[in-house]
C-alpha atoms as a PDB file:
ATOM      1  CA  MET A   1       0.000   0.000   0.000  1.00  0.00           C
ATOM      2  CA  ARG A   2       2.831   2.410   0.895  1.00  0.00           C
ATOM      3  CA  ARG A   3       4.594   1.740  -2.419  1.00  0.00           C
ATOM      4  CA  ARG A   4       1.351   2.229  -4.346  1.00  0.00           C
ATOM      5  CA  CYS A   5       0.730   5.555  -2.557  1.00  0.00           C
ATOM      6  CA  HIS A   6       4.254   6.717  -3.468  1.00  0.00           C
ATOM      7  CA  PHE A   7       3.596   5.798  -7.108  1.00  0.00           C
ATOM      8  CA  VAL A   8       0.389   7.876  -7.091  1.00  0.00           C
ATOM      9  CA  TRP A   9       2.318  10.895  -5.843  1.00  0.00           C
ATOM     10  CA  LEU A  10       4.909  10.451  -8.612  1.00  0.00           C
ATOM     11  CA  LEU A  11       2.166  10.433 -11.231  1.00  0.00           C
ATOM     12  CA  LEU A  12       0.672  13.599  -9.766  1.00  0.00           C
ATOM     13  CA  TRP A  13       3.984  15.441  -9.843  1.00  0.00           C
ATOM     14  CA  ALA A  14       4.439  14.415 -13.456  1.00  0.00           C
ATOM     15  CA  ALA A  15       0.943  15.678 -14.258  1.00  0.00           C
ATOM     16  CA  LEU A  16       1.558  18.981 -12.487  1.00  0.00           C
ATOM     17  CA  ALA A  17       4.427  20.026 -14.756  1.00  0.00           C
ATOM     18  CA  THR A  18       3.752  23.731 -14.255  1.00  0.00           C
ATOM     19  CA  GLY A  19       7.261  24.796 -15.132  1.00  0.00           C
ATOM     20  CA  CYS A  20       7.024  27.259 -12.214  1.00  0.00           C
ATOM     21  CA  ALA A  21       8.804  27.287  -8.875  1.00  0.00           C
ATOM     22  CA  GLY A  22       5.453  27.100  -7.133  1.00  0.00           C
ATOM     23  CA  ASP A  23       1.773  28.023  -7.179  1.00  0.00           C
ATOM     24  CA  ALA A  24      -0.416  29.098  -4.285  1.00  0.00           C
ATOM     25  CA  ALA A  25      -4.142  29.485  -3.680  1.00  0.00           C
ATOM     26  CA  ARG A  26      -6.014  30.804  -0.660  1.00  0.00           C
ATOM     27  CA  LEU A  27      -9.501  31.767   0.433  1.00  0.00           C
ATOM     28  CA  GLY A  28      -8.431  35.005   2.083  1.00  0.00           C
ATOM     29  CA  ALA A  29      -5.427  37.092   3.092  1.00  0.00           C
ATOM     30  CA  HIS A  30      -6.074  36.814   6.823  1.00  0.00           C
ATOM     31  CA  LEU A  31      -6.626  34.065   9.361  1.00  0.00           C
ATOM     32  CA  HIS A  32      -9.561  34.355  11.730  1.00  0.00           C
ATOM     33  CA  VAL A  33      -9.130  33.941  15.486  1.00  0.00           C
ATOM     34  CA  SER A  34     -11.048  35.304  18.451  1.00  0.00           C
ATOM     35  CA  GLU A  35      -8.006  36.739  20.228  1.00  0.00           C
ATOM     36  CA  GLY A  36      -4.208  36.729  20.063  1.00  0.00           C
ATOM     37  CA  PRO A  37      -2.059  35.504  17.171  1.00  0.00           C
ATOM     38  CA  PRO A  38      -3.300  32.496  15.185  1.00  0.00           C
ATOM     39  CA  ARG A  39      -2.193  29.170  16.638  1.00  0.00           C
ATOM     40  CA  ILE A  40      -1.074  26.714  13.980  1.00  0.00           C
ATOM     41  CA  ALA A  41      -0.286  23.062  14.633  1.00  0.00           C
ATOM     42  CA  LEU A  42       2.500  21.763  12.407  1.00  0.00           C
ATOM     43  CA  MET A  43       1.445  18.209  11.689  1.00  0.00           C
ATOM     44  CA  PRO A  44       4.185  15.514  11.572  1.00  0.00           C
ATOM     45  CA  LEU A  45       6.016  16.075   8.306  1.00  0.00           C
ATOM     46  CA  ASP A  46       5.733  13.675   5.383  1.00  0.00           C
ATOM     47  CA  ILE A  47       9.138  14.202   3.780  1.00  0.00           C
ATOM     48  CA  GLY A  48      11.741  12.050   2.082  1.00  0.00           C
ATOM     49  CA  LEU A  49      15.159  12.648   0.548  1.00  0.00           C
ATOM     50  CA  SER A  50      16.753  10.480  -2.101  1.00  0.00           C
ATOM     51  CA  ARG A  51      19.722  10.147  -4.425  1.00  0.00           C
ATOM     52  CA  VAL A  52      19.086   9.893  -8.172  1.00  0.00           C
ATOM     53  CA  SER A  53      21.234   7.065  -9.542  1.00  0.00           C
ATOM     54  CA  ALA A  54      22.927   7.091 -12.930  1.00  0.00           C
ATOM     55  CA  GLY A  55      19.958   5.142 -14.290  1.00  0.00           C
ATOM     56  CA  GLY A  56      17.451   7.630 -12.913  1.00  0.00           C
ATOM     57  CA  PHE A  57      16.238   5.576  -9.938  1.00  0.00           C
ATOM     58  CA  HIS A  58      15.494   7.332  -6.643  1.00  0.00           C
ATOM     59  CA  GLN A  59      17.372   5.729  -3.754  1.00  0.00           C
ATOM     60  CA  PRO A  60      16.058   6.870  -0.318  1.00  0.00           C
ATOM     61  CA  VAL A  61      18.718   8.070   2.121  1.00  0.00           C
ATOM     62  CA  ALA A  62      17.478   7.824   5.718  1.00  0.00           C
ATOM     63  CA  SER A  63      20.218   9.984   7.252  1.00  0.00           C
ATOM     64  CA  TRP A  64      19.424  12.820   4.839  1.00  0.00           C
ATOM     65  CA  THR A  65      15.711  12.586   5.608  1.00  0.00           C
ATOM     66  CA  GLU A  66      16.264  12.625   9.373  1.00  0.00           C
ATOM     67  CA  ALA A  67      18.493  15.704   9.198  1.00  0.00           C
ATOM     68  CA  ALA A  68      16.180  17.449   6.745  1.00  0.00           C
ATOM     69  CA  GLU A  69      13.176  17.011   9.020  1.00  0.00           C
ATOM     70  CA  GLN A  70      15.006  18.690  11.903  1.00  0.00           C
ATOM     71  CA  HIS A  71      16.244  21.543   9.691  1.00  0.00           C
ATOM     72  CA  LEU A  72      12.833  22.143   8.143  1.00  0.00           C
ATOM     73  CA  VAL A  73      10.904  22.154  11.428  1.00  0.00           C
ATOM     74  CA  ARG A  74      13.238  24.802  12.843  1.00  0.00           C
ATOM     75  CA  ALA A  75      13.026  26.807   9.626  1.00  0.00           C
ATOM     76  CA  LEU A  76       9.229  26.682   9.490  1.00  0.00           C
ATOM     77  CA  ARG A  77       8.968  27.858  13.082  1.00  0.00           C
ATOM     78  CA  GLN A  78      11.319  30.758  12.349  1.00  0.00           C
ATOM     79  CA  VAL A  79       9.303  31.849   9.323  1.00  0.00           C
ATOM     80  CA  ALA A  80       6.100  31.612  11.367  1.00  0.00           C
ATOM     81  CA  ARG A  81       7.579  33.805  14.124  1.00  0.00           C
ATOM     82  CA  GLU A  82       8.606  36.385  11.546  1.00  0.00           C
ATOM     83  CA  ARG A  83       4.989  36.552  10.417  1.00  0.00           C
ATOM     84  CA  GLY A  84       3.546  36.847  13.913  1.00  0.00           C
ATOM     85  CA  LEU A  85       2.134  33.314  13.967  1.00  0.00           C
ATOM     86  CA  ILE A  86       2.403  30.669  16.671  1.00  0.00           C
ATOM     87  CA  LEU A  87       3.534  27.364  15.156  1.00  0.00           C
ATOM     88  CA  ASN A  88       3.640  24.365  17.488  1.00  0.00           C
ATOM     89  CA  GLN A  89       4.806  20.940  16.355  1.00  0.00           C
ATOM     90  CA  ALA A  90       2.408  18.052  16.848  1.00  0.00           C
ATOM     91  CA  GLU A  91       4.019  14.868  18.129  1.00  0.00           C
ATOM     92  CA  PRO A  92       4.480  12.020  15.583  1.00  0.00           C
ATOM     93  CA  ALA A  93       2.708   9.728  18.064  1.00  0.00           C
ATOM     94  CA  LEU A  94      -0.482  11.599  17.160  1.00  0.00           C
ATOM     95  CA  TRP A  95      -0.867   9.436  14.053  1.00  0.00           C
ATOM     96  CA  GLN A  96      -1.148   6.326  16.220  1.00  0.00           C
ATOM     97  CA  GLU A  97      -4.603   7.447  17.315  1.00  0.00           C
ATOM     98  CA  PRO A  98      -7.213   5.943  14.939  1.00  0.00           C
ATOM     99  CA  ALA A  99      -9.139   9.197  14.407  1.00  0.00           C
ATOM    100  CA  ALA A 100      -5.972  11.207  13.747  1.00  0.00           C
ATOM    101  CA  HIS A 101      -4.656   8.520  11.392  1.00  0.00           C
ATOM    102  CA  GLN A 102      -7.853   8.704   9.349  1.00  0.00           C
ATOM    103  CA  SER A 103      -7.488  12.491   9.243  1.00  0.00           C
ATOM    104  CA  ARG A 104      -3.962  12.065   7.889  1.00  0.00           C
ATOM    105  CA  LEU A 105      -5.143   9.731   5.122  1.00  0.00           C
ATOM    106  CA  LEU A 106      -7.990  12.090   4.258  1.00  0.00           C
ATOM    107  CA  GLN A 107      -5.705  15.108   4.041  1.00  0.00           C
ATOM    108  CA  GLY A 108      -3.299  13.148   1.843  1.00  0.00           C
ATOM    109  CA  ALA A 109      -6.151  12.397  -0.559  1.00  0.00           C
ATOM    110  CA  ILE A 110      -7.192  16.061  -0.499  1.00  0.00           C
ATOM    111  CA  GLN A 111      -3.643  17.178  -1.291  1.00  0.00           C
ATOM    112  CA  GLN A 112      -3.556  14.804  -4.248  1.00  0.00           C
ATOM    113  CA  ALA A 113      -6.888  16.169  -5.470  1.00  0.00           C
ATOM    114  CA  ILE A 114      -5.661  19.769  -5.156  1.00  0.00           C
ATOM    115  CA  LEU A 115      -2.489  18.961  -7.100  1.00  0.00           C
ATOM    116  CA  LEU A 116      -4.447  17.306  -9.883  1.00  0.00           C
ATOM    117  CA  HIS A 117      -7.550  19.479 -10.119  1.00  0.00           C
ATOM    118  CA  HIS A 118      -6.350  22.898  -8.951  1.00  0.00           C
ATOM    119  CA  PHE A 119      -2.643  23.141  -9.792  1.00  0.00           C
ATOM    120  CA  GLY A 120      -2.562  20.586 -12.592  1.00  0.00           C
ATOM    121  CA  ASP A 121      -3.371  20.770 -16.277  1.00  0.00           C
ATOM    122  CA  ASP A 122      -6.403  22.860 -17.222  1.00  0.00           C
ATOM    123  CA  ARG A 123      -8.025  19.745 -18.634  1.00  0.00           C
ATOM    124  CA  ASN A 124      -8.230  18.327 -15.103  1.00  0.00           C
ATOM    125  CA  ARG A 125      -9.954  21.362 -13.578  1.00  0.00           C
ATOM    126  CA  LEU A 126     -13.338  20.740 -11.955  1.00  0.00           C
ATOM    127  CA  PRO A 127     -15.947  23.052 -13.558  1.00  0.00           C
ATOM    128  CA  ALA A 128     -18.144  23.016 -10.457  1.00  0.00           C
ATOM    129  CA  LYS A 129     -15.377  24.598  -8.361  1.00  0.00           C
ATOM    130  CA  ASN A 130     -14.780  27.415 -10.886  1.00  0.00           C
ATOM    131  CA  GLY A 131     -11.158  27.780  -9.773  1.00  0.00           C
ATOM    132  CA  HIS A 132     -12.180  27.993  -6.115  1.00  0.00           C
ATOM    133  CA  LEU A 133     -10.124  26.247  -3.424  1.00  0.00           C
ATOM    134  CA  GLY A 134     -13.140  24.297  -2.256  1.00  0.00           C
ATOM    135  CA  TRP A 135     -11.859  21.276  -0.343  1.00  0.00           C
ATOM    136  CA  SER A 136     -12.735  20.365   3.239  1.00  0.00           C
ATOM    137  CA  MET A 137     -11.907  17.686   5.809  1.00  0.00           C
ATOM    138  CA  GLY A 138     -15.310  18.197   7.407  1.00  0.00           C
ATOM    139  CA  ALA A 139     -15.750  16.625  10.833  1.00  0.00           C
ATOM    140  CA  SER A 140     -12.294  15.005  10.669  1.00  0.00           C
ATOM    141  CA  GLY A 141     -10.707  18.435  10.705  1.00  0.00           C
ATOM    142  CA  ARG A 142     -12.939  19.723  13.482  1.00  0.00           C
ATOM    143  CA  ASP A 143     -12.165  16.690  15.636  1.00  0.00           C
ATOM    144  CA  LEU A 144      -8.459  17.590  15.551  1.00  0.00           C
ATOM    145  CA  ARG A 145      -9.050  21.000  17.111  1.00  0.00           C
ATOM    146  CA  GLY A 146      -9.509  19.736  20.645  1.00  0.00           C
ATOM    147  CA  VAL A 147      -6.588  17.329  20.378  1.00  0.00           C
ATOM    148  CA  LEU A 148      -4.190  19.955  19.023  1.00  0.00           C
ATOM    149  CA  ALA A 149      -5.380  23.027  20.961  1.00  0.00           C
ATOM    150  CA  ALA A 150      -4.877  25.047  17.789  1.00  0.00           C
ATOM    151  CA  ASP A 151      -6.892  27.138  15.347  1.00  0.00           C
ATOM    152  CA  TYR A 152      -5.306  25.739  12.197  1.00  0.00           C
ATOM    153  CA  ALA A 153      -3.325  22.676  11.107  1.00  0.00           C
ATOM    154  CA  LEU A 154      -0.457  22.789   8.610  1.00  0.00           C
ATOM    155  CA  PHE A 155       0.121  19.625   6.550  1.00  0.00           C
ATOM    156  CA  ILE A 156       3.301  19.258   4.477  1.00  0.00           C
ATOM    157  CA  HIS A 157       4.259  16.595   1.930  1.00  0.00           C
ATOM    158  CA  LEU A 158       7.750  17.136   0.494  1.00  0.00           C
ATOM    159  CA  ARG A 159      10.236  15.138  -1.568  1.00  0.00           C
ATOM    160  CA  ASP A 160      13.799  16.274  -2.321  1.00  0.00           C
ATOM    161  CA  SER A 161      16.259  14.459  -4.568  1.00  0.00           C
ATOM    162  CA  TYR A 162      19.879  14.990  -5.594  1.00  0.00           C
ATOM    163  CA  SER A 163      21.809  13.696  -8.593  1.00  0.00           C
ATOM    164  CA  SER A 164      24.576  11.203  -7.938  1.00  0.00           C
ATOM    165  CA  THR A 165      27.991  11.709  -9.496  1.00  0.00           C
ATOM    166  CA  GLY A 166      27.131   9.115 -12.137  1.00  0.00           C
ATOM    167  CA  ARG A 167      23.898  10.916 -12.983  1.00  0.00           C
ATOM    168  CA  ARG A 168      25.707  14.230 -13.387  1.00  0.00           C
ATOM    169  CA  VAL A 169      28.318  12.664 -15.659  1.00  0.00           C
ATOM    170  CA  LEU A 170      25.659  11.067 -17.859  1.00  0.00           C
ATOM    171  CA  SER A 171      23.820  14.383 -17.998  1.00  0.00           C
ATOM    172  CA  VAL A 172      26.924  16.106 -19.337  1.00  0.00           C
ATOM    173  CA  VAL A 173      27.392  13.348 -21.939  1.00  0.00           C
ATOM    174  CA  SER A 174      23.726  13.638 -22.948  1.00  0.00           C
ATOM    175  CA  THR A 175      24.069  17.393 -23.337  1.00  0.00           C
ATOM    176  CA  VAL A 176      27.123  17.006 -25.558  1.00  0.00           C
ATOM    177  CA  LEU A 177      25.657  14.226 -27.709  1.00  0.00           C
ATOM    178  CA  VAL A 178      22.021  15.243 -28.122  1.00  0.00           C
ATOM    179  CA  GLY A 179      21.880  18.742 -26.682  1.00  0.00           C
ATOM    180  CA  LEU A 180      19.597  17.765 -23.774  1.00  0.00           C
ATOM    181  CA  PRO A 181      20.631  17.210 -20.139  1.00  0.00           C
ATOM    182  CA  LEU A 182      19.109  14.350 -18.165  1.00  0.00           C
ATOM    183  CA  PRO A 183      16.588  15.228 -15.448  1.00  0.00           C
ATOM    184  CA  GLY A 184      18.353  15.507 -12.115  1.00  0.00           C
ATOM    185  CA  GLY A 185      17.412  16.307  -8.569  1.00  0.00           C
ATOM    186  CA  GLN A 186      14.125  18.035  -7.851  1.00  0.00           C
ATOM    187  CA  GLN A 187      12.309  19.536  -4.872  1.00  0.00           C
ATOM    188  CA  VAL A 188       8.567  18.953  -5.006  1.00  0.00           C
ATOM    189  CA  GLY A 189       5.899  19.259  -2.371  1.00  0.00           C
ATOM    190  CA  ILE A 190       2.577  20.632  -1.252  1.00  0.00           C
ATOM    191  CA  ALA A 191       1.530  22.421   1.916  1.00  0.00           C
ATOM    192  CA  THR A 192      -2.084  22.868   3.014  1.00  0.00           C
ATOM    193  CA  LEU A 193      -3.552  24.877   5.876  1.00  0.00           C
ATOM    194  CA  VAL A 194      -6.808  23.653   7.412  1.00  0.00           C
ATOM    195  CA  ASP A 195      -9.188  25.742   9.541  1.00  0.00           C
ATOM    196  CA  LEU A 196      -9.913  23.409  12.451  1.00  0.00           C
ATOM    197  CA  ARG A 197     -13.195  25.151  13.264  1.00  0.00           C
ATOM    198  CA  THR A 198     -14.685  24.165   9.912  1.00  0.00           C
ATOM    199  CA  GLY A 199     -12.322  21.583   8.415  1.00  0.00           C
ATOM    200  CA  GLN A 200     -11.951  23.847   5.356  1.00  0.00           C
ATOM    201  CA  VAL A 201      -8.656  24.010   3.442  1.00  0.00           C
ATOM    202  CA  VAL A 202      -7.986  27.766   3.444  1.00  0.00           C
ATOM    203  CA  TRP A 203      -4.581  27.813   1.723  1.00  0.00           C
ATOM    204  CA  ALA A 204      -2.460  25.525  -0.427  1.00  0.00           C
ATOM    205  CA  ARG A 205       0.908  25.853  -2.111  1.00  0.00           C
ATOM    206  CA  ALA A 206       2.579  23.497  -4.558  1.00  0.00           C
ATOM    207  CA  LEU A 207       6.362  23.519  -4.904  1.00  0.00           C
ATOM    208  CA  ASP A 208       8.038  22.104  -8.010  1.00  0.00           C
ATOM    209  CA  ARG A 209      11.601  23.199  -8.757  1.00  0.00           C
ATOM    210  CA  ALA A 210      15.122  22.014  -9.499  1.00  0.00           C
ATOM    211  CA  THR A 211      16.695  24.029  -6.668  1.00  0.00           C
ATOM    212  CA  GLY A 212      16.855  23.807  -2.870  1.00  0.00           C
ATOM    213  CA  ASP A 213      18.707  21.533  -0.449  1.00  0.00           C
ATOM    214  CA  LEU A 214      17.070  20.361   2.756  1.00  0.00           C
ATOM    215  CA  ARG A 215      20.298  18.783   3.973  1.00  0.00           C
ATOM    216  CA  ASP A 216      21.648  22.217   4.881  1.00  0.00           C
ATOM    217  CA  PRO A 217      20.026  24.420   7.590  1.00  0.00           C
ATOM    218  CA  LYS A 218      20.484  27.653   5.633  1.00  0.00           C
ATOM    219  CA  SER A 219      19.029  26.164   2.471  1.00  0.00           C
ATOM    220  CA  ALA A 220      16.194  24.584   4.482  1.00  0.00           C
ATOM    221  CA  LEU A 221      15.236  28.078   5.654  1.00  0.00           C
ATOM    222  CA  GLU A 222      15.033  29.198   2.021  1.00  0.00           C
ATOM    223  CA  THR A 223      12.791  26.221   1.278  1.00  0.00           C
ATOM    224  CA  ALA A 224      10.574  27.087   4.246  1.00  0.00           C
ATOM    225  CA  ARG A 225      10.179  30.638   2.949  1.00  0.00           C
ATOM    226  CA  ALA A 226       9.306  29.327  -0.513  1.00  0.00           C
ATOM    227  CA  LEU A 227       6.884  26.763   0.893  1.00  0.00           C
ATOM    228  CA  LEU A 228       5.032  29.257   3.105  1.00  0.00           C
ATOM    229  CA  LYS A 229       4.910  32.023   0.523  1.00  0.00           C
ATOM    230  CA  GLU A 230       1.502  33.765   0.517  1.00  0.00           C
ATOM    231  CA  LEU A 231       0.451  32.003   3.724  1.00  0.00           C
ATOM    232  CA  PRO A 232      -2.391  34.062   5.242  1.00  0.00           C
ATOM    233  CA  GLN A 233      -1.633  35.937   8.471  1.00  0.00           C
END
C-alpha cells in the first residue's frame, strides 16, 4: 500500500508540470481567530530525501531525511515567528490514534486532489469549483481541534532528490551528444492549511523546482520561505 501511494504521488507530480517554482491558492489574506495571534499546529512532516542514480532511480537516504526534518521544522517555526504566527509541532505519536490517522489519510487524498484538479493541467480542472479552493476535511478536521489546541493545522508533503555523481556525468554526456541534459534532482511538495473550526482548506501551495537543499540548515530556511509564501496571516 505504501509503495502504491508513493507511485500515485509520482504520477501527480508528473501531471503537475507547471514549469514554475510554485503556485499558491487561498480563500483570504487573513486568518480568523477570536483573540491573540493564530495558533497553527505543524502536523508531523511527510518528507523524504533520495539520491538519483545514474539510471534515474530514486534511492532513499534515511540519514538525509532525518536531518532534513530537523532543519525544516526549525526553519518553518522561524518563518512563522517572523509573520507573527504561533507554530507548534504536533508529536508524531499523534498518528497512532485511529481518528488522527484517518485524518492524515484524508488530508493526503485532499492534497492529491488539489495537485491534480487545482494546480494541474487545465483539462483536469473541476468546472463546479470554478477555480475555487473548495476542499474540506469536514468533521475530521474539526475533531483535531480539541486534540491539538490550535486554530489551524499545517500539513506538508515534500520530496527532495539529488543527482549522484554518475547521474551528473551522464547528464553532461547527454548534453554534448544530443543537446539535452538528463533530469536531475528536484524539490517537489505541497503544503495545506486547514481551519480546524470548519475543516476547510484555506490555503495551499505546490512547490516544483530544481533548486533547494534540505540537507543544509540555511538552504532549508530558504525552502521554508518558498513553501510558506503567501500564507495568510
